[in-house]
Structure formats: C-alpha cells, structure tokens
C-alpha atoms as a PDB file:
ATOM      1  CA  UNK A   1     134.192 103.080 104.752  1.00  0.00           C
ATOM      2  CA  UNK A   2     131.665 100.679 103.238  1.00  0.00           C
ATOM      3  CA  UNK A   3     127.895 100.975 102.947  1.00  0.00           C
ATOM      4  CA  UNK A   4     125.753  98.026 103.989  1.00  0.00           C
ATOM      5  CA  UNK A   5     122.020  97.669 103.448  1.00  0.00           C
ATOM      6  CA  UNK A   6     120.213  95.473 105.977  1.00  0.00           C
ATOM      7  CA  UNK A   7     116.702  94.068 105.904  1.00  0.00           C
ATOM      8  CA  UNK A   8     115.064  93.700 109.325  1.00  0.00           C
ATOM      9  CA  UNK A   9     111.992  91.585 110.004  1.00  0.00           C
ATOM     10  CA  UNK A  10     109.985  90.438 113.019  1.00  0.00           C
ATOM     11  CA  UNK A  11     106.718  88.566 113.490  1.00  0.00           C
ATOM     12  CA  UNK A  12     106.925  87.406 117.121  1.00  0.00           C
ATOM     13  CA  UNK A  13     106.551  89.338 120.366  1.00  0.00           C
ATOM     14  CA  UNK A  14     106.680  93.134 120.280  1.00  0.00           C
ATOM     15  CA  UNK A  15     107.732  93.389 116.651  1.00  0.00           C
ATOM     16  CA  UNK A  16     108.422  97.119 116.709  1.00  0.00           C
ATOM     17  CA  UNK A  17     110.634  96.868 119.801  1.00  0.00           C
ATOM     18  CA  UNK A  18     112.586  94.067 118.099  1.00  0.00           C
ATOM     19  CA  UNK A  19     113.260  96.318 115.082  1.00  0.00           C
ATOM     20  CA  UNK A  20     114.281  99.199 117.361  1.00  0.00           C
ATOM     21  CA  UNK A  21     116.679  96.932 119.256  1.00  0.00           C
ATOM     22  CA  UNK A  22     118.177  95.665 115.988  1.00  0.00           C
ATOM     23  CA  UNK A  23     118.865  99.228 114.845  1.00  0.00           C
ATOM     24  CA  UNK A  24     120.379 100.121 118.226  1.00  0.00           C
ATOM     25  CA  UNK A  25     122.701  97.095 118.180  1.00  0.00           C
ATOM     26  CA  UNK A  26     123.669  97.572 114.525  1.00  0.00           C
ATOM     27  CA  UNK A  27     124.789 101.108 115.334  1.00  0.00           C
ATOM     28  CA  UNK A  28     126.570  99.933 118.499  1.00  0.00           C
ATOM     29  CA  UNK A  29     128.376  96.917 116.992  1.00  0.00           C
ATOM     30  CA  UNK A  30     128.612  97.445 113.225  1.00  0.00           C
ATOM     31  CA  UNK A  31     128.623 101.121 112.281  1.00  0.00           C
ATOM     32  CA  UNK A  32     126.816 104.409 111.853  1.00  0.00           C
ATOM     33  CA  UNK A  33     123.217 104.233 110.640  1.00  0.00           C
ATOM     34  CA  UNK A  34     122.796 106.627 107.701  1.00  0.00           C
ATOM     35  CA  UNK A  35     119.180 105.998 106.642  1.00  0.00           C
ATOM     36  CA  UNK A  36     116.196 104.109 108.028  1.00  0.00           C
ATOM     37  CA  UNK A  37     113.087 103.283 106.003  1.00  0.00           C
ATOM     38  CA  UNK A  38     109.554 103.428 107.267  1.00  0.00           C
ATOM     39  CA  UNK A  39     108.223 100.261 108.859  1.00  0.00           C
ATOM     40  CA  UNK A  40     106.029  98.092 106.649  1.00  0.00           C
ATOM     41  CA  UNK A  41     103.681  95.288 107.628  1.00  0.00           C
ATOM     42  CA  UNK A  42     103.426  92.252 105.395  1.00  0.00           C
ATOM     43  CA  UNK A  43     101.982  88.801 105.167  1.00  0.00           C
ATOM     44  CA  UNK A  44     104.566  86.060 105.691  1.00  0.00           C
ATOM     45  CA  UNK A  45     106.410  85.282 102.444  1.00  0.00           C
ATOM     46  CA  UNK A  46     106.551  81.697 101.194  1.00  0.00           C
ATOM     47  CA  UNK A  47     104.859  80.164 104.270  1.00  0.00           C
ATOM     48  CA  UNK A  48     101.417  79.872 105.887  1.00  0.00           C
ATOM     49  CA  UNK A  49     101.998  81.645 109.217  1.00  0.00           C
ATOM     50  CA  UNK A  50      99.264  83.799 110.694  1.00  0.00           C
ATOM     51  CA  UNK A  51     101.548  86.370 112.294  1.00  0.00           C
ATOM     52  CA  UNK A  52     102.290  89.313 110.027  1.00  0.00           C
ATOM     53  CA  UNK A  53     105.813  90.660 109.767  1.00  0.00           C
ATOM     54  CA  UNK A  54     107.091  94.144 110.374  1.00  0.00           C
ATOM     55  CA  UNK A  55     109.889  94.919 107.926  1.00  0.00           C
ATOM     56  CA  UNK A  56     112.371  97.736 107.609  1.00  0.00           C
ATOM     57  CA  UNK A  57     115.571  98.484 105.702  1.00  0.00           C
ATOM     58  CA  UNK A  58     118.538 100.371 107.125  1.00  0.00           C
ATOM     59  CA  UNK A  59     121.706 101.725 105.555  1.00  0.00           C
ATOM     60  CA  UNK A  60     124.862 101.604 107.654  1.00  0.00           C
ATOM     61  CA  UNK A  61     128.449 102.751 107.153  1.00  0.00           C
ATOM     62  CA  UNK A  62     131.043 100.351 108.495  1.00  0.00           C
ATOM     63  CA  UNK A  63     134.728  99.565 108.479  1.00  0.00           C
ATOM     64  CA  UNK A  64     134.035  95.884 109.185  1.00  0.00           C
ATOM     65  CA  UNK A  65     134.509  93.182 106.555  1.00  0.00           C
ATOM     66  CA  UNK A  66     131.386  91.437 105.179  1.00  0.00           C
ATOM     67  CA  UNK A  67     132.251  88.272 107.115  1.00  0.00           C
ATOM     68  CA  UNK A  68     132.653  90.208 110.353  1.00  0.00           C
ATOM     69  CA  UNK A  69     129.352  92.011 109.719  1.00  0.00           C
ATOM     70  CA  UNK A  70     127.658  88.616 109.342  1.00  0.00           C
ATOM     71  CA  UNK A  71     129.146  87.417 112.643  1.00  0.00           C
ATOM     72  CA  UNK A  72     127.915  90.579 114.381  1.00  0.00           C
ATOM     73  CA  UNK A  73     124.414  90.128 112.926  1.00  0.00           C
ATOM     74  CA  UNK A  74     124.212  86.613 114.337  1.00  0.00           C
ATOM     75  CA  UNK A  75     125.264  87.945 117.752  1.00  0.00           C
ATOM     76  CA  UNK A  76     122.673  90.742 117.541  1.00  0.00           C
ATOM     77  CA  UNK A  77     119.890  88.299 116.614  1.00  0.00           C
ATOM     78  CA  UNK A  78     120.888  86.197 119.625  1.00  0.00           C
ATOM     79  CA  UNK A  79     120.931  89.261 121.924  1.00  0.00           C
ATOM     80  CA  UNK A  80     117.381  90.136 120.860  1.00  0.00           C
ATOM     81  CA  UNK A  81     116.219  86.597 121.529  1.00  0.00           C
ATOM     82  CA  UNK A  82     116.325  84.713 118.275  1.00  0.00           C
ATOM     83  CA  UNK A  83     116.937  81.030 118.732  1.00  0.00           C
ATOM     84  CA  UNK A  84     119.246  78.970 116.534  1.00  0.00           C
ATOM     85  CA  UNK A  85     117.937  78.758 112.987  1.00  0.00           C
ATOM     86  CA  UNK A  86     116.175  75.404 112.797  1.00  0.00           C
ATOM     87  CA  UNK A  87     114.383  75.739 109.476  1.00  0.00           C
ATOM     88  CA  UNK A  88     114.753  78.091 106.543  1.00  0.00           C
ATOM     89  CA  UNK A  89     111.442  79.940 107.046  1.00  0.00           C
ATOM     90  CA  UNK A  90     110.023  80.216 110.533  1.00  0.00           C
ATOM     91  CA  UNK A  91     108.368  82.764 112.782  1.00  0.00           C
ATOM     92  CA  UNK A  92     111.060  84.808 114.458  1.00  0.00           C
ATOM     93  CA  UNK A  93     111.543  87.583 116.950  1.00  0.00           C
ATOM     94  CA  UNK A  94     114.140  89.146 114.634  1.00  0.00           C
ATOM     95  CA  UNK A  95     115.693  88.420 111.283  1.00  0.00           C
ATOM     96  CA  UNK A  96     118.544  90.549 109.941  1.00  0.00           C
ATOM     97  CA  UNK A  97     119.779  90.000 106.399  1.00  0.00           C
ATOM     98  CA  UNK A  98     122.606  91.708 104.531  1.00  0.00           C
ATOM     99  CA  UNK A  99     121.117  92.913 101.251  1.00  0.00           C
ATOM    100  CA  UNK A 100     124.129  94.720  99.797  1.00  0.00           C
ATOM    101  CA  UNK A 101     127.672  95.441 100.921  1.00  0.00           C
ATOM    102  CA  UNK A 102     128.799  98.282  98.637  1.00  0.00           C
ATOM    103  CA  UNK A 103     128.674  96.770  95.150  1.00  0.00           C
ATOM    104  CA  UNK A 104     130.404  93.568  96.172  1.00  0.00           C
ATOM    105  CA  UNK A 105     129.349  90.150  94.948  1.00  0.00           C
ATOM    106  CA  UNK A 106     130.205  87.392  97.413  1.00  0.00           C
ATOM    107  CA  UNK A 107     129.236  83.761  96.928  1.00  0.00           C
ATOM    108  CA  UNK A 108     130.448  81.607  99.813  1.00  0.00           C
ATOM    109  CA  UNK A 109     128.730  78.781 101.640  1.00  0.00           C
ATOM    110  CA  UNK A 110     128.198  80.984 104.701  1.00  0.00           C
ATOM    111  CA  UNK A 111     127.606  84.336 102.970  1.00  0.00           C
ATOM    112  CA  UNK A 112     125.927  85.397  99.729  1.00  0.00           C
ATOM    113  CA  UNK A 113     125.811  89.098  98.818  1.00  0.00           C
ATOM    114  CA  UNK A 114     123.707  90.566  97.297  1.00  0.00           C
ATOM    115  CA  UNK A 115     120.972  88.654  99.069  1.00  0.00           C
ATOM    116  CA  UNK A 116     119.881  86.031  96.522  1.00  0.00           C
ATOM    117  CA  UNK A 117     116.114  86.519  97.011  1.00  0.00           C
ATOM    118  CA  UNK A 118     115.800  90.278  97.507  1.00  0.00           C
ATOM    119  CA  UNK A 119     114.517  90.866  93.947  1.00  0.00           C
ATOM    120  CA  UNK A 120     111.611  88.450  94.613  1.00  0.00           C
ATOM    121  CA  UNK A 121     110.431  90.075  97.855  1.00  0.00           C
ATOM    122  CA  UNK A 122     108.300  93.204  97.907  1.00  0.00           C
ATOM    123  CA  UNK A 123     108.764  93.448 101.693  1.00  0.00           C
ATOM    124  CA  UNK A 124     112.445  94.136 100.976  1.00  0.00           C
ATOM    125  CA  UNK A 125     112.145  96.164  97.781  1.00  0.00           C
ATOM    126  CA  UNK A 126     109.512  98.653  98.985  1.00  0.00           C
ATOM    127  CA  UNK A 127     111.455  99.867 102.067  1.00  0.00           C
ATOM    128  CA  UNK A 128     114.689  99.744 100.050  1.00  0.00           C
ATOM    129  CA  UNK A 129     113.148 102.120  97.500  1.00  0.00           C
ATOM    130  CA  UNK A 130     112.536 104.655 100.293  1.00  0.00           C
ATOM    131  CA  UNK A 131     116.238 104.675 101.054  1.00  0.00           C
ATOM    132  CA  UNK A 132     117.719 104.498  97.550  1.00  0.00           C
ATOM    133  CA  UNK A 133     115.439 103.708  94.606  1.00  0.00           C
ATOM    134  CA  UNK A 134     118.235 104.145  92.063  1.00  0.00           C
ATOM    135  CA  UNK A 135     120.735 101.800  93.716  1.00  0.00           C
ATOM    136  CA  UNK A 136     121.969  99.393  91.034  1.00  0.00           C
ATOM    137  CA  UNK A 137     121.857  95.703  91.830  1.00  0.00           C
ATOM    138  CA  UNK A 138     125.444  94.625  91.037  1.00  0.00           C
ATOM    139  CA  UNK A 139     124.422  91.330  89.408  1.00  0.00           C
ATOM    140  CA  UNK A 140     121.260  92.323  87.523  1.00  0.00           C
ATOM    141  CA  UNK A 141     122.517  95.848  86.791  1.00  0.00           C
ATOM    142  CA  UNK A 142     119.004  97.178  87.431  1.00  0.00           C
ATOM    143  CA  UNK A 143     117.792  99.894  89.777  1.00  0.00           C
ATOM    144  CA  UNK A 144     115.737  98.823  92.800  1.00  0.00           C
ATOM    145  CA  UNK A 145     112.664 100.580  91.381  1.00  0.00           C
ATOM    146  CA  UNK A 146     113.002  98.462  88.207  1.00  0.00           C
ATOM    147  CA  UNK A 147     113.314  95.277  90.265  1.00  0.00           C
ATOM    148  CA  UNK A 148     110.095  96.192  92.101  1.00  0.00           C
ATOM    149  CA  UNK A 149     108.335  96.847  88.796  1.00  0.00           C
ATOM    150  CA  UNK A 150     109.388  93.374  87.596  1.00  0.00           C
ATOM    151  CA  UNK A 151     108.689  91.601  90.914  1.00  0.00           C
ATOM    152  CA  UNK A 152     105.948  88.960  90.752  1.00  0.00           C
ATOM    153  CA  UNK A 153     105.403  88.885  94.544  1.00  0.00           C
ATOM    154  CA  UNK A 154     101.666  89.361  95.214  1.00  0.00           C
ATOM    155  CA  UNK A 155     101.971  89.758  98.991  1.00  0.00           C
ATOM    156  CA  UNK A 156     100.183  92.747 100.499  1.00  0.00           C
ATOM    157  CA  UNK A 157     102.618  95.274 101.977  1.00  0.00           C
ATOM    158  CA  UNK A 158     101.330  98.277 103.914  1.00  0.00           C
ATOM    159  CA  UNK A 159     103.047 101.088 105.764  1.00  0.00           C
ATOM    160  CA  UNK A 160     102.815 100.304 109.470  1.00  0.00           C
ATOM    161  CA  UNK A 161     100.872 102.796 111.545  1.00  0.00           C
ATOM    162  CA  UNK A 162     101.721 102.487 115.217  1.00  0.00           C
ATOM    163  CA  UNK A 163      98.634 103.034 117.322  1.00  0.00           C
ATOM    164  CA  UNK A 164     100.527 102.373 120.551  1.00  0.00           C
ATOM    165  CA  UNK A 165     101.261 105.753 122.126  1.00  0.00           C
ATOM    166  CA  UNK A 166     104.075 104.277 124.255  1.00  0.00           C
ATOM    167  CA  UNK A 167     106.412 104.167 121.239  1.00  0.00           C
END
C-alpha cells in the first residue's frame, strides 16, 4: 500500500463543493483517504486573476501505480467539470496535483513526482504541514516545515471560514 499526497485547488464556481467532490472521487477511484487538511483561501499564484483559490491537501492510501493515479486524477477533474488544460495557469473549477507518492522520485514527460513547484507554493506547504510537517522531501531531504520556512512566496494564505450554513 502506497501513500499519496494530493493538492486540491478551485477558484471557479462553488469552490468548496468542488473540493468535496474531488475528495469523494479520490476515495471512490484511487484509495482510502487517511488525512484531510483544513481548507485555505489564497490569492492566485503566478497570475493576475481576481478569483481567490480554495486549497486543501489530502493523504490517500492506494494500491494503484503512480501512472494509474495520474490517469484517475484526470478523469476526476473531468467529472467535476474541468475542461482540457489549455494553458499552464488558468482559472479552474478543480485542479488536483500529486505532491508525493511515497518517497518515489519520478521524472517522465507526463509525470513528475515530487511536484516540481511544491516548495515554492505556500498554498501547498501550509495545508501539507497540517497533515505531516515532518515529511521529508525526497529530493531536498528537508522537512515540509523547513521548506515553508525557506519559501519566498509572499502570497496571503488564510484558513477558510465557511459562512454558508448549507455546508
């Protein structure tokens, strides 16, 4: 059984529902969810969009290979309503990234694990710390809390408080 860390993000439509659907489908199609971080709201990273993102990190146990997990993620994004990726950074109803797959390092055209930008993104590191702040990045050999300390990202990240009583 392998452990996979996923980053979830949404800045279109009902962002919270999109995250909930992603978690539901991950558990249905990939494996058992072990931990779920709080939801955090952040400014878009690296672009000038107005719509803020909701971000969350989940830990899942799976028997699927990394490549099969990637294929399932693409299907899940499609199920939730994400259109084909046109540009690298765009507003999206859902974005699911594989952060880590155990301690594996994979560098293929279609799949890079660990995620190559996770150490530069507070919206990934902060929820990841909630789940496992001592997890060692297999390339940098540094704990997640150390990566956050060294991160130069100045984006404002706040814990999301849901004022909608329907959720």
